[in-house]
Amino acid sequence: MKKYFLLLFIIMAGCAKKDLQKMSSSDLVTSRRLNTGSTGGDVIGHAVVGYQGWFSCPGDGANEQIWWHWTGNNAAPSIGNMVKSWPDVREYTTLFTTGLPAMGNGQPTRLFSSYTDQTVDTHFRWMQENGIEVAALQRFHDYLDMRTAITAKVRTAAEAHNVKFYIMYDISGWTTFQNDIKTDWTDKIARFTSSPAYAVQNGKPVVCIWGLGFADRDQTPAAELDVVNWFRSKGCYVIGGVPHEWRDYIKPGDKNFEPVFKALDMISPWMVGAIGNNQQSDFYYTNYNQPDLVYCKANNIAYQPCVLPGDLSAKHRVHGDFMWHQFYNMTRLGAQGLYISMFDEYNEANQIAKTAEDDTMQPSGLGLLALNEDGVKCSADYYMRLTNDGTKMFKGLIPLTLLRPTEPVVGSGPMHLPPYNKPVKFIGYNNLWVGGNNGNGPMYCNVPHGDIWETFTVTDAGNGKVALQSMGKFVSSENGSGPMTCNRTAVGEWERFDYLINDDGSVSLRGNNGKYVTAEDGIKPMICDRTLIGPWERFAVN
């Protein structure tokens, strides 16, 4: 009898897991709204871009005649004292000469200023054109008058282009924030909430305080809690920007930040610097994002994790695959909102705004990487278009898919050629990886992470066919007569496959027997004996 109930439990658990895997994006949208008591607004169920608006140049009309944020010390740009990534400046009507070497196309090197009306209007027009609905305008303790002037420009541009905005205070290094923020909000910022473009959630104006819960900083939990409660007393919906390991700071003692976290309406963990590839993204999804969401649901807090394009200067982006993988993870997680880090952060190379496509569009001699750094040509607006598609998937407007649907260049169409001589990983319908098993027996699609054993190099096997090599051995279809293996030292007829790219971007493999490779639901060994392409015969390629 005990064995019967154990078997029944395993079957029911398996069905529940499969139902979760098949949950549609629209189901997730409904779930995230119900789990937060949302009565409608601009952040629940939406993706928000962080907007710095912090670039200035001498001659732009601002009181501070500095190269604000274009260089490390606000001094004149020079080789070694410059941003990490270069903007595409073709659509700005007002630009400022830098004195740097000429562009690769021979044109003089010029930069925009966020203090110029046309710059801010251009950025918000780009947001509107790419389905970006909300921007979080950053506000720091330095140059507050200049930041207030830019806030007014943001309000005008947001109203003109039907984009929402809200204020995000960053208290990093702000030792007197507890009183300063209250005064600043009362005297300078609260008036902006009357704008029809100011973001509202549950009938309340939205404000974010970034930098809460960092145990290694000077701010105390008591001071942070006081500020959060003050904003709530003013009728605000309060978001907290916290470290990615914020739950580690829920502990007894002087630095217990749990009362701060529980006072928030929404929690937004910061991920820049924590992840730089898909494996790290998956690690944080399992070990941080999932338990974060459990805690937030238990305490009626909305959850807004980060999605980032990656540091272009560190080659994190992989022509969009890194960012899309995060969109996929956070959508299937069921997060209540997304925070895109960032829109215009060229100085940290994490921007999604239009960026130099190649060396002709940036200064010579600076050693900067353009969007084509990994050999794939990407249009300047690619990461805004990718954000548009990722937001659609998050909102349930397109299906949940691990394969990005966004073309690096508009009109280029899907990449139908196999990725010859490139390392790839195959992910089955069960969201698990195909493993070569190091040649020791049958292959399975049941590995929870993609590592060296799950990496295959696609080689040209002649006549339009490919061979897949892992750890020096080749994958064999065994002619469909038995489980597939990865133990052949040479390419023969059974080691050749047609590499087929389906309409949804997934890949199917067809053996020389004319049959398709199937993942066999991850439980049975893989085999090449299917006559039709179904869900188990389609693989996402990472």
Protein backbone atom coordinates (compact mmCIF):
# COMPACT_ATOMS: atom_id res chain seq x y z
CA MET A 1 0.00 0.00 0.00
CA LYS A 2 2.83 2.40 0.84
CA LYS A 3 4.44 1.67 -2.55
CA TYR A 4 1.11 2.45 -4.25
CA PHE A 5 0.78 5.84 -2.57
CA LEU A 6 4.44 6.64 -3.29
CA LEU A 7 3.91 5.84 -6.99
CA LEU A 8 0.72 7.94 -7.06
CA PHE A 9 2.56 10.86 -5.48
CA ILE A 10 5.37 10.68 -8.05
CA ILE A 11 2.86 10.60 -10.92
CA MET A 12 0.93 13.59 -9.52
CA ALA A 13 4.12 15.55 -8.94
CA GLY A 14 5.27 14.86 -12.48
CA CYS A 15 1.93 16.04 -13.88
CA ALA A 16 2.11 19.20 -11.79
CA LYS A 17 5.63 19.91 -13.05
CA LYS A 18 4.58 19.38 -16.65
CA ASP A 19 1.55 21.67 -16.16
CA LEU A 20 3.86 24.37 -14.80
CA GLN A 21 6.22 23.98 -17.74
CA LYS A 22 3.30 24.38 -20.14
CA MET A 23 1.85 27.41 -18.33
CA SER A 24 1.33 30.14 -20.89
CA SER A 25 2.56 33.70 -20.57
CA SER A 26 -1.02 34.91 -20.15
CA ASP A 27 -1.49 32.49 -17.23
CA LEU A 28 1.62 33.98 -15.61
CA VAL A 29 0.28 37.51 -16.12
CA THR A 30 -2.97 36.62 -14.35
CA SER A 31 -1.01 34.90 -11.56
CA ARG A 32 1.26 37.88 -10.91
CA ARG A 33 -1.71 40.24 -10.64
CA LEU A 34 -3.65 38.03 -8.27
CA ASN A 35 -0.63 37.44 -6.05
CA THR A 36 -0.06 41.12 -5.33
CA GLY A 37 -3.57 42.44 -4.86
CA SER A 38 -2.94 44.82 -7.75
CA THR A 39 -5.76 47.20 -8.59
CA GLY A 40 -4.07 48.31 -11.78
CA GLY A 41 -1.21 50.66 -12.44
CA ASP A 42 2.06 51.34 -14.20
CA VAL A 43 4.53 48.95 -12.54
CA ILE A 44 2.69 45.68 -11.80
CA GLY A 45 2.79 43.67 -15.01
CA HIS A 46 5.12 46.14 -16.73
CA ALA A 47 8.81 46.44 -17.59
CA VAL A 48 10.53 49.62 -16.39
CA VAL A 49 13.79 51.00 -17.79
CA GLY A 50 16.24 52.78 -15.54
CA TYR A 51 16.98 56.22 -16.99
CA GLN A 52 20.09 58.04 -15.77
CA GLY A 53 19.74 61.30 -17.70
CA TRP A 54 23.08 62.29 -16.20
CA PHE A 55 25.27 63.33 -19.14
CA SER A 56 26.40 66.94 -19.58
CA CYS A 57 28.93 68.81 -21.71
CA PRO A 58 30.53 72.26 -21.47
CA GLY A 59 28.45 74.71 -23.48
CA ASP A 60 25.11 72.93 -23.00
CA GLY A 61 23.61 75.70 -20.83
CA ALA A 62 23.90 73.95 -17.48
CA ASN A 63 25.51 75.80 -14.58
CA GLU A 64 28.17 73.12 -14.16
CA GLN A 65 30.38 73.27 -17.26
CA ILE A 66 31.72 69.72 -17.01
CA TRP A 67 31.80 66.46 -18.98
CA TRP A 68 29.39 65.01 -16.43
CA HIS A 69 29.56 61.19 -16.47
CA TRP A 70 31.23 61.11 -19.88
CA THR A 71 34.55 60.81 -18.06
CA GLY A 72 35.56 59.38 -14.72
CA ASN A 73 36.39 62.75 -13.19
CA ASN A 74 34.15 65.07 -15.28
CA ALA A 75 37.29 66.48 -16.94
CA ALA A 76 37.84 66.71 -20.70
CA PRO A 77 37.59 63.34 -22.51
CA SER A 78 40.86 61.61 -23.29
CA ILE A 79 42.11 58.14 -24.06
CA GLY A 80 41.94 56.27 -20.75
CA ASN A 81 39.42 58.71 -19.27
CA MET A 82 36.25 57.95 -21.15
CA VAL A 83 33.01 55.96 -21.03
CA LYS A 84 33.07 52.19 -21.61
CA SER A 85 30.65 52.25 -24.56
CA TRP A 86 29.93 54.77 -27.33
CA PRO A 87 26.47 56.05 -28.30
CA ASP A 88 25.03 56.22 -31.79
CA VAL A 89 24.75 60.01 -32.16
CA ARG A 90 23.18 60.22 -35.63
CA GLU A 91 19.75 61.39 -34.43
CA TYR A 92 20.84 64.24 -32.14
CA THR A 93 20.60 67.74 -33.53
CA THR A 94 22.76 69.29 -30.79
CA LEU A 95 26.17 67.73 -30.11
CA PHE A 96 29.38 68.85 -28.45
CA THR A 97 32.90 68.34 -29.80
CA THR A 98 35.14 66.27 -27.54
CA GLY A 99 38.67 66.72 -28.83
CA LEU A 100 39.06 62.95 -29.10
CA PRO A 101 40.44 61.27 -32.24
CA ALA A 102 38.09 61.23 -35.23
CA MET A 103 35.46 58.56 -35.71
CA GLY A 104 36.29 55.52 -37.77
CA ASN A 105 34.35 57.11 -40.64
CA GLY A 106 36.45 60.27 -40.41
CA GLN A 107 33.77 62.42 -38.79
CA PRO A 108 34.60 64.59 -35.76
CA THR A 109 33.90 62.99 -32.39
CA ARG A 110 30.91 64.58 -30.64
CA LEU A 111 28.62 63.67 -27.73
CA PHE A 112 25.11 64.55 -26.55
CA SER A 113 24.07 66.26 -23.31
CA SER A 114 21.08 65.17 -21.22
CA TYR A 115 20.59 68.85 -20.42
CA THR A 116 19.50 69.46 -24.02
CA ASP A 117 15.75 69.23 -24.63
CA GLN A 118 16.22 67.41 -27.93
CA THR A 119 18.30 64.67 -26.28
CA VAL A 120 15.67 63.80 -23.70
CA ASP A 121 12.91 64.02 -26.31
CA THR A 122 14.85 61.67 -28.59
CA HIS A 123 15.31 59.12 -25.78
CA PHE A 124 11.62 59.10 -24.90
CA ARG A 125 10.66 58.90 -28.56
CA TRP A 126 12.86 55.80 -28.80
CA MET A 127 11.06 54.38 -25.78
CA GLN A 128 7.67 54.97 -27.39
CA GLU A 129 8.81 53.47 -30.70
CA ASN A 130 10.02 50.33 -28.92
CA GLY A 131 7.08 49.69 -26.61
CA ILE A 132 8.90 50.86 -23.46
CA GLU A 133 6.13 52.17 -21.24
CA VAL A 134 7.83 53.33 -18.03
CA ALA A 135 11.15 54.97 -17.09
CA ALA A 136 12.60 55.28 -13.59
CA LEU A 137 14.50 58.59 -13.48
CA GLN A 138 17.54 58.34 -11.21
CA ARG A 139 18.13 61.06 -8.60
CA PHE A 140 21.34 61.37 -6.58
CA HIS A 141 22.63 63.78 -3.95
CA ASP A 142 25.03 65.68 -6.23
CA TYR A 143 24.16 68.46 -8.72
CA LEU A 144 20.54 68.42 -7.57
CA ASP A 145 19.61 71.64 -9.38
CA MET A 146 20.82 70.24 -12.69
CA ARG A 147 18.98 66.98 -12.00
CA THR A 148 15.79 68.92 -11.22
CA ALA A 149 16.06 70.75 -14.55
CA ILE A 150 16.46 67.41 -16.33
CA THR A 151 13.43 66.08 -14.42
CA ALA A 152 11.35 68.86 -15.98
CA LYS A 153 12.64 67.88 -19.43
CA VAL A 154 11.75 64.24 -18.70
CA ARG A 155 8.22 65.25 -17.73
CA THR A 156 7.78 67.18 -21.00
CA ALA A 157 9.16 64.34 -23.12
CA ALA A 158 7.19 61.66 -21.26
CA GLU A 159 3.95 63.56 -21.74
CA ALA A 160 4.72 64.11 -25.44
CA HIS A 161 5.47 60.44 -26.12
CA ASN A 162 2.95 58.73 -23.82
CA VAL A 163 5.63 57.20 -21.57
CA LYS A 164 5.28 57.06 -17.78
CA PHE A 165 8.10 58.01 -15.40
CA TYR A 166 8.79 57.99 -11.68
CA ILE A 167 11.63 59.13 -9.42
CA MET A 168 14.22 56.67 -8.16
CA TYR A 169 16.37 58.05 -5.34
CA ASP A 170 19.82 56.45 -5.16
CA ILE A 171 21.16 56.79 -1.61
CA SER A 172 24.61 55.38 -2.43
CA GLY A 173 27.11 57.54 -0.53
CA TRP A 174 24.32 59.87 0.64
CA THR A 175 25.12 60.10 4.35
CA THR A 176 22.40 62.67 5.14
CA PHE A 177 19.71 61.04 3.01
CA GLN A 178 17.22 60.58 5.87
CA ASN A 179 16.38 64.28 6.08
CA ASP A 180 17.57 65.42 2.64
CA ILE A 181 15.21 63.19 0.67
CA LYS A 182 12.16 64.40 2.59
CA THR A 183 13.08 68.03 1.95
CA ASP A 184 13.92 67.36 -1.68
CA TRP A 185 10.64 65.56 -2.32
CA THR A 186 8.58 68.25 -0.60
CA ASP A 187 10.32 71.28 -2.13
CA LYS A 188 11.28 70.08 -5.62
CA ILE A 189 9.84 66.74 -6.70
CA ALA A 190 6.30 66.21 -5.35
CA ARG A 191 4.94 68.72 -7.88
CA PHE A 192 5.92 66.39 -10.72
CA THR A 193 3.46 63.76 -9.52
CA SER A 194 0.62 65.91 -10.86
CA SER A 195 1.79 65.17 -14.39
CA PRO A 196 -0.43 62.71 -16.29
CA ALA A 197 2.83 60.97 -17.21
CA TYR A 198 3.87 60.32 -13.60
CA ALA A 199 3.59 56.59 -12.84
CA VAL A 200 0.86 55.44 -10.46
CA GLN A 201 0.29 52.04 -8.89
CA ASN A 202 -2.84 51.14 -6.91
CA GLY A 203 -3.86 54.80 -7.15
CA LYS A 204 -0.59 56.03 -5.57
CA PRO A 205 2.37 57.91 -7.10
CA VAL A 206 5.38 55.61 -7.40
CA VAL A 207 8.75 56.36 -5.83
CA CYS A 208 11.76 54.07 -5.58
CA ILE A 209 14.58 54.26 -3.04
CA TRP A 210 17.61 52.42 -4.35
CA GLY A 211 20.35 51.30 -1.98
CA LEU A 212 18.25 49.87 0.85
CA GLY A 213 19.47 46.84 2.77
CA PHE A 214 23.19 47.03 1.96
CA ALA A 215 24.76 45.84 5.21
CA ASP A 216 28.24 47.06 4.21
CA ARG A 217 27.13 50.70 3.97
CA ASP A 218 26.72 53.41 6.58
CA GLN A 219 22.93 53.66 6.39
CA THR A 220 21.12 52.08 9.34
CA PRO A 221 17.93 50.01 9.10
CA ALA A 222 16.21 52.54 11.37
CA ALA A 223 17.01 55.47 9.06
CA GLU A 224 15.93 53.54 5.98
CA LEU A 225 12.68 52.41 7.60
CA ASP A 226 11.94 55.98 8.64
CA VAL A 227 12.24 57.19 5.03
CA VAL A 228 10.14 54.35 3.63
CA ASN A 229 7.38 54.97 6.16
CA TRP A 230 7.53 58.72 5.51
CA PHE A 231 6.88 58.20 1.81
CA ARG A 232 4.06 55.80 2.59
CA SER A 233 2.53 58.41 4.90
CA LYS A 234 2.57 60.77 1.92
CA GLY A 235 0.44 58.28 -0.02
CA CYS A 236 3.23 56.89 -2.21
CA TYR A 237 3.72 53.38 -3.57
CA VAL A 238 7.30 52.61 -2.46
CA ILE A 239 9.74 50.36 -4.32
CA GLY A 240 13.02 49.36 -2.70
CA GLY A 241 16.17 48.78 -4.74
CA VAL A 242 18.09 46.16 -2.76
CA PRO A 243 21.18 43.94 -3.21
CA HIS A 244 20.71 40.64 -5.03
CA GLU A 245 21.43 38.81 -1.76
CA TRP A 246 18.98 40.93 0.24
CA ARG A 247 17.47 38.00 2.14
CA ASP A 248 20.89 37.38 3.70
CA TYR A 249 20.30 40.58 5.68
CA ILE A 250 17.22 39.24 7.43
CA LYS A 251 18.85 38.36 10.73
CA PRO A 252 18.90 39.50 14.36
CA GLY A 253 21.27 42.28 15.34
CA ASP A 254 21.99 45.91 14.56
CA LYS A 255 21.87 45.32 10.80
CA ASN A 256 18.57 43.49 10.52
CA PHE A 257 16.89 44.98 7.46
CA GLU A 258 13.77 42.81 7.52
CA PRO A 259 11.50 45.59 8.88
CA VAL A 260 12.64 47.75 5.93
CA PHE A 261 11.87 45.03 3.41
CA LYS A 262 8.45 44.29 4.89
CA ALA A 263 7.50 47.98 4.76
CA LEU A 264 7.99 48.09 0.97
CA ASP A 265 5.27 47.67 -1.64
CA MET A 266 7.74 46.21 -4.15
CA ILE A 267 11.27 44.83 -3.95
CA SER A 268 13.74 45.16 -6.84
CA PRO A 269 17.04 43.26 -6.41
CA TRP A 270 20.07 44.62 -8.31
CA MET A 271 21.81 42.12 -10.60
CA VAL A 272 24.47 44.18 -12.39
CA GLY A 273 27.82 42.68 -11.46
CA ALA A 274 26.23 39.46 -10.21
CA ILE A 275 25.62 37.75 -13.57
CA GLY A 276 27.46 37.83 -16.87
CA ASN A 277 26.37 34.67 -18.69
CA ASN A 278 23.41 32.31 -18.93
CA GLN A 279 24.82 29.80 -16.47
CA GLN A 280 25.07 32.47 -13.79
CA SER A 281 21.57 33.67 -14.70
CA ASP A 282 20.22 30.15 -14.16
CA PHE A 283 22.10 29.83 -10.86
CA TYR A 284 20.51 33.01 -9.52
CA TYR A 285 17.11 32.01 -10.89
CA THR A 286 17.19 28.84 -8.78
CA ASN A 287 19.03 30.05 -5.69
CA TYR A 288 17.86 33.65 -5.42
CA ASN A 289 14.91 34.62 -7.64
CA GLN A 290 12.69 31.65 -6.80
CA PRO A 291 13.09 31.87 -2.99
CA ASP A 292 12.88 35.69 -3.25
CA LEU A 293 9.46 35.38 -4.85
CA VAL A 294 8.30 32.89 -2.20
CA TYR A 295 9.25 35.36 0.54
CA CYS A 296 7.61 38.28 -1.25
CA LYS A 297 4.35 36.42 -1.82
CA ALA A 298 4.24 35.37 1.83
CA ASN A 299 4.62 39.01 2.87
CA ASN A 300 2.39 40.58 0.19
CA ILE A 301 5.30 42.37 -1.51
CA ALA A 302 5.52 42.67 -5.29
CA TYR A 303 8.74 41.41 -6.91
CA GLN A 304 10.58 43.33 -9.66
CA PRO A 305 13.86 41.60 -10.61
CA CYS A 306 16.47 43.06 -12.97
CA VAL A 307 17.01 42.17 -16.59
CA LEU A 308 20.22 43.54 -18.10
CA PRO A 309 21.70 43.52 -21.60
CA GLY A 310 25.14 42.81 -20.18
CA ASP A 311 28.37 44.76 -20.04
CA LEU A 312 29.31 45.29 -23.70
CA SER A 313 32.92 46.03 -22.75
CA ALA A 314 33.15 42.61 -21.05
CA LYS A 315 31.54 40.73 -23.97
CA HIS A 316 28.56 39.58 -21.92
CA ARG A 317 25.91 40.19 -24.55
CA VAL A 318 26.25 37.31 -27.06
CA HIS A 319 24.18 39.30 -29.60
CA GLY A 320 21.14 39.35 -27.32
CA ASP A 321 21.08 35.76 -26.09
CA PHE A 322 22.16 36.76 -22.56
CA MET A 323 19.40 39.34 -22.16
CA TRP A 324 16.73 37.14 -23.71
CA HIS A 325 17.61 34.27 -21.38
CA GLN A 326 16.87 36.57 -18.43
CA PHE A 327 13.55 37.64 -19.97
CA TYR A 328 12.69 33.95 -20.29
CA ASN A 329 13.69 33.14 -16.70
CA MET A 330 11.88 36.08 -15.13
CA THR A 331 8.72 35.47 -17.18
CA ARG A 332 8.48 31.80 -16.23
CA LEU A 333 9.27 32.80 -12.65
CA GLY A 334 6.06 34.81 -12.49
CA ALA A 335 7.63 38.08 -11.33
CA GLN A 336 5.24 41.00 -10.86
CA GLY A 337 7.40 43.45 -12.80
CA LEU A 338 10.77 43.83 -14.51
CA TYR A 339 13.47 46.46 -14.14
CA ILE A 340 15.73 46.92 -17.18
CA SER A 341 19.24 47.98 -16.17
CA MET A 342 19.73 50.46 -17.87
CA PHE A 343 18.51 52.66 -20.73
CA ASP A 344 21.40 55.10 -21.17
CA GLU A 345 24.25 53.91 -18.95
CA TYR A 346 27.02 54.20 -21.56
CA ASN A 347 29.58 54.81 -18.84
CA GLU A 348 28.98 51.28 -17.51
CA ALA A 349 28.31 49.71 -20.96
CA ASN A 350 24.92 48.40 -19.75
CA GLN A 351 22.82 50.60 -22.03
CA ILE A 352 19.99 49.47 -24.33
CA ALA A 353 19.75 52.88 -26.07
CA LYS A 354 21.20 53.23 -29.55
CA THR A 355 24.87 52.27 -29.59
CA ALA A 356 27.70 52.27 -32.11
CA GLU A 357 27.23 49.34 -34.49
CA ASP A 358 30.89 49.05 -35.52
CA ASP A 359 34.21 50.90 -35.43
CA THR A 360 33.12 53.44 -38.05
CA MET A 361 30.65 54.88 -35.53
CA GLN A 362 33.05 55.45 -32.64
CA PRO A 363 36.40 57.17 -32.04
CA SER A 364 39.56 55.48 -33.19
CA GLY A 365 42.15 54.49 -30.63
CA LEU A 366 39.89 54.22 -27.57
CA GLY A 367 39.67 50.43 -27.68
CA LEU A 368 35.89 50.45 -27.26
CA LEU A 369 33.78 47.49 -28.36
CA ALA A 370 30.83 48.09 -30.66
CA LEU A 371 27.67 45.98 -30.96
CA ASN A 372 29.35 43.69 -33.51
CA GLU A 373 32.03 42.65 -30.98
CA ASP A 374 31.31 38.92 -31.36
CA GLY A 375 31.11 38.97 -35.15
CA VAL A 376 27.32 39.33 -35.43
CA LYS A 377 26.16 42.62 -36.94
CA CYS A 378 23.53 44.26 -34.72
CA SER A 379 21.62 47.44 -35.53
CA ALA A 380 22.05 50.39 -33.17
CA ASP A 381 18.50 49.94 -31.80
CA TYR A 382 18.76 46.17 -31.37
CA TYR A 383 18.58 46.07 -27.56
CA MET A 384 15.55 48.35 -27.47
CA ARG A 385 13.83 46.04 -29.98
CA LEU A 386 14.88 43.07 -27.87
CA THR A 387 13.38 44.79 -24.80
CA ASN A 388 10.17 45.34 -26.75
CA ASP A 389 9.88 41.62 -27.57
CA GLY A 390 10.91 40.58 -24.06
CA THR A 391 8.24 42.83 -22.58
CA LYS A 392 5.65 41.34 -24.92
CA MET A 393 6.58 37.85 -23.73
CA PHE A 394 6.47 39.00 -20.09
CA LYS A 395 2.99 40.48 -20.63
CA GLY A 396 1.69 37.34 -22.39
CA LEU A 397 1.38 38.98 -25.82
CA ILE A 398 3.71 36.43 -27.43
CA PRO A 399 4.42 32.84 -26.31
CA LEU A 400 6.99 32.02 -23.66
CA THR A 401 10.07 30.90 -25.58
CA LEU A 402 13.72 30.34 -24.76
CA LEU A 403 14.64 31.37 -28.30
CA ARG A 404 14.76 35.10 -28.92
CA PRO A 405 12.52 36.11 -31.83
CA THR A 406 14.35 39.41 -32.42
CA GLU A 407 16.53 39.80 -35.50
CA PRO A 408 19.90 41.51 -34.85
CA VAL A 409 19.26 43.59 -37.97
CA VAL A 410 15.72 44.38 -39.15
CA GLY A 411 14.92 42.51 -42.33
CA SER A 412 17.80 40.07 -42.00
CA GLY A 413 15.38 37.21 -41.34
CA PRO A 414 16.12 34.15 -39.22
CA MET A 415 19.63 32.75 -39.27
CA HIS A 416 18.99 29.57 -41.29
CA LEU A 417 22.59 28.47 -41.64
CA PRO A 418 23.92 26.12 -38.95
CA PRO A 419 26.37 27.80 -36.56
CA TYR A 420 29.42 26.05 -38.03
CA ASN A 421 32.42 25.70 -35.72
CA LYS A 422 30.47 27.31 -32.89
CA PRO A 423 29.86 25.69 -29.48
CA VAL A 424 26.13 25.23 -28.82
CA LYS A 425 23.90 23.70 -26.16
CA PHE A 426 20.54 22.05 -26.83
CA ILE A 427 17.60 22.56 -24.47
CA GLY A 428 14.55 20.30 -24.67
CA TYR A 429 10.86 20.92 -24.14
CA ASN A 430 11.36 20.11 -20.46
CA ASN A 431 13.78 23.06 -20.15
CA LEU A 432 16.67 20.69 -19.45
CA TRP A 433 19.93 20.35 -21.36
CA VAL A 434 21.04 17.55 -23.69
CA GLY A 435 24.14 15.84 -22.36
CA GLY A 436 26.74 13.84 -24.25
CA ASN A 437 27.27 11.68 -21.16
CA ASN A 438 31.01 11.87 -21.96
CA GLY A 439 30.49 8.92 -24.29
CA ASN A 440 29.58 6.61 -21.41
CA GLY A 441 26.30 5.13 -22.56
CA PRO A 442 23.06 6.63 -23.92
CA MET A 443 22.42 10.35 -24.26
CA TYR A 444 19.64 11.98 -22.22
CA CYS A 445 17.92 15.35 -22.16
CA ASN A 446 17.83 15.67 -18.38
CA VAL A 447 20.73 17.87 -17.28
CA PRO A 448 19.61 20.86 -15.13
CA HIS A 449 22.46 23.10 -16.33
CA GLY A 450 24.56 23.57 -19.43
CA ASP A 451 28.26 22.91 -18.82
CA ILE A 452 31.20 21.38 -20.64
CA TRP A 453 29.53 17.95 -20.98
CA GLU A 454 26.49 19.60 -22.58
CA THR A 455 28.49 21.67 -25.11
CA PHE A 456 28.58 20.49 -28.73
CA THR A 457 30.57 21.96 -31.62
CA VAL A 458 28.68 22.05 -34.91
CA THR A 459 30.96 20.90 -37.72
CA ASP A 460 30.40 20.73 -41.47
CA ALA A 461 29.81 17.09 -42.46
CA GLY A 462 29.39 17.86 -46.17
CA ASN A 463 26.37 18.02 -48.47
CA GLY A 464 24.61 20.48 -46.15
CA LYS A 465 24.76 18.13 -43.16
CA VAL A 466 26.36 18.66 -39.76
CA ALA A 467 28.12 16.56 -37.18
CA LEU A 468 28.00 17.29 -33.44
CA GLN A 469 31.17 16.87 -31.44
CA SER A 470 31.53 16.88 -27.65
CA MET A 471 34.67 16.14 -25.65
CA GLY A 472 36.38 14.96 -28.83
CA LYS A 473 33.69 12.41 -29.75
CA PHE A 474 30.82 12.59 -32.25
CA VAL A 475 27.10 12.10 -31.67
CA SER A 476 25.63 9.05 -33.39
CA SER A 477 21.98 8.47 -34.26
CA GLU A 478 22.61 4.71 -34.19
CA ASN A 479 20.39 4.74 -37.31
CA GLY A 480 17.35 4.92 -35.04
CA SER A 481 17.82 1.32 -33.94
CA GLY A 482 18.80 2.16 -30.39
CA PRO A 483 19.65 4.96 -27.95
CA MET A 484 21.82 7.78 -29.27
CA THR A 485 25.41 7.98 -28.07
CA CYS A 486 28.31 10.41 -28.20
CA ASN A 487 31.25 8.02 -28.52
CA ARG A 488 32.32 7.93 -32.19
CA THR A 489 35.84 8.93 -33.16
CA ALA A 490 34.99 9.62 -36.82
CA VAL A 491 32.02 10.86 -38.84
CA GLY A 492 30.11 8.17 -40.71
CA GLU A 493 26.57 7.97 -42.04
CA TRP A 494 24.99 7.69 -38.58
CA GLU A 495 26.89 10.77 -37.36
CA ARG A 496 25.48 13.11 -40.04
CA PHE A 497 22.35 15.19 -39.40
CA ASP A 498 20.21 17.77 -41.13
CA TYR A 499 20.20 20.89 -38.97
CA LEU A 500 16.67 22.28 -39.38
CA ILE A 501 15.57 25.69 -38.06
CA ASN A 502 11.83 25.73 -37.41
CA ASP A 503 9.51 28.71 -37.83
CA ASP A 504 9.57 29.38 -34.08
CA GLY A 505 13.37 29.53 -34.09
CA SER A 506 13.82 26.11 -32.49
CA VAL A 507 16.09 23.48 -34.05
CA SER A 508 15.31 19.91 -35.08
CA LEU A 509 17.86 17.26 -36.06
CA ARG A 510 17.13 14.68 -38.76
CA GLY A 511 19.30 11.62 -39.08
CA ASN A 512 20.37 9.85 -42.26
CA ASN A 513 17.47 7.44 -41.77
CA GLY A 514 15.08 10.34 -42.45
CA LYS A 515 13.81 10.31 -38.85
CA TYR A 516 13.98 13.04 -36.23
CA VAL A 517 15.87 13.09 -32.94
CA THR A 518 13.58 13.12 -29.90
CA ALA A 519 14.34 14.09 -26.31
CA GLU A 520 11.97 11.32 -25.11
CA ASP A 521 10.64 13.61 -22.31
CA GLY A 522 14.01 13.54 -20.57
CA ILE A 523 13.28 10.22 -18.89
CA LYS A 524 14.12 7.73 -21.63
CA PRO A 525 17.36 7.75 -23.65
CA MET A 526 17.29 9.96 -26.72
CA ILE A 527 16.60 8.20 -30.01
CA CYS A 528 16.34 9.12 -33.70
CA ASP A 529 13.11 7.41 -34.79
CA ARG A 530 10.32 10.01 -35.04
CA THR A 531 8.49 10.67 -38.31
CA LEU A 532 7.10 14.09 -37.29
CA ILE A 533 8.39 17.14 -35.42
CA GLY A 534 6.49 17.63 -32.17
CA PRO A 535 7.42 19.45 -28.93
CA TRP A 536 9.98 16.80 -27.93
CA GLU A 537 11.69 17.04 -31.32
CA ARG A 538 12.31 20.79 -31.02
CA PHE A 539 15.35 22.13 -29.20
CA ALA A 540 16.28 25.62 -28.12
CA VAL A 541 19.88 26.40 -28.98
CA ASN A 542 21.91 28.33 -26.46
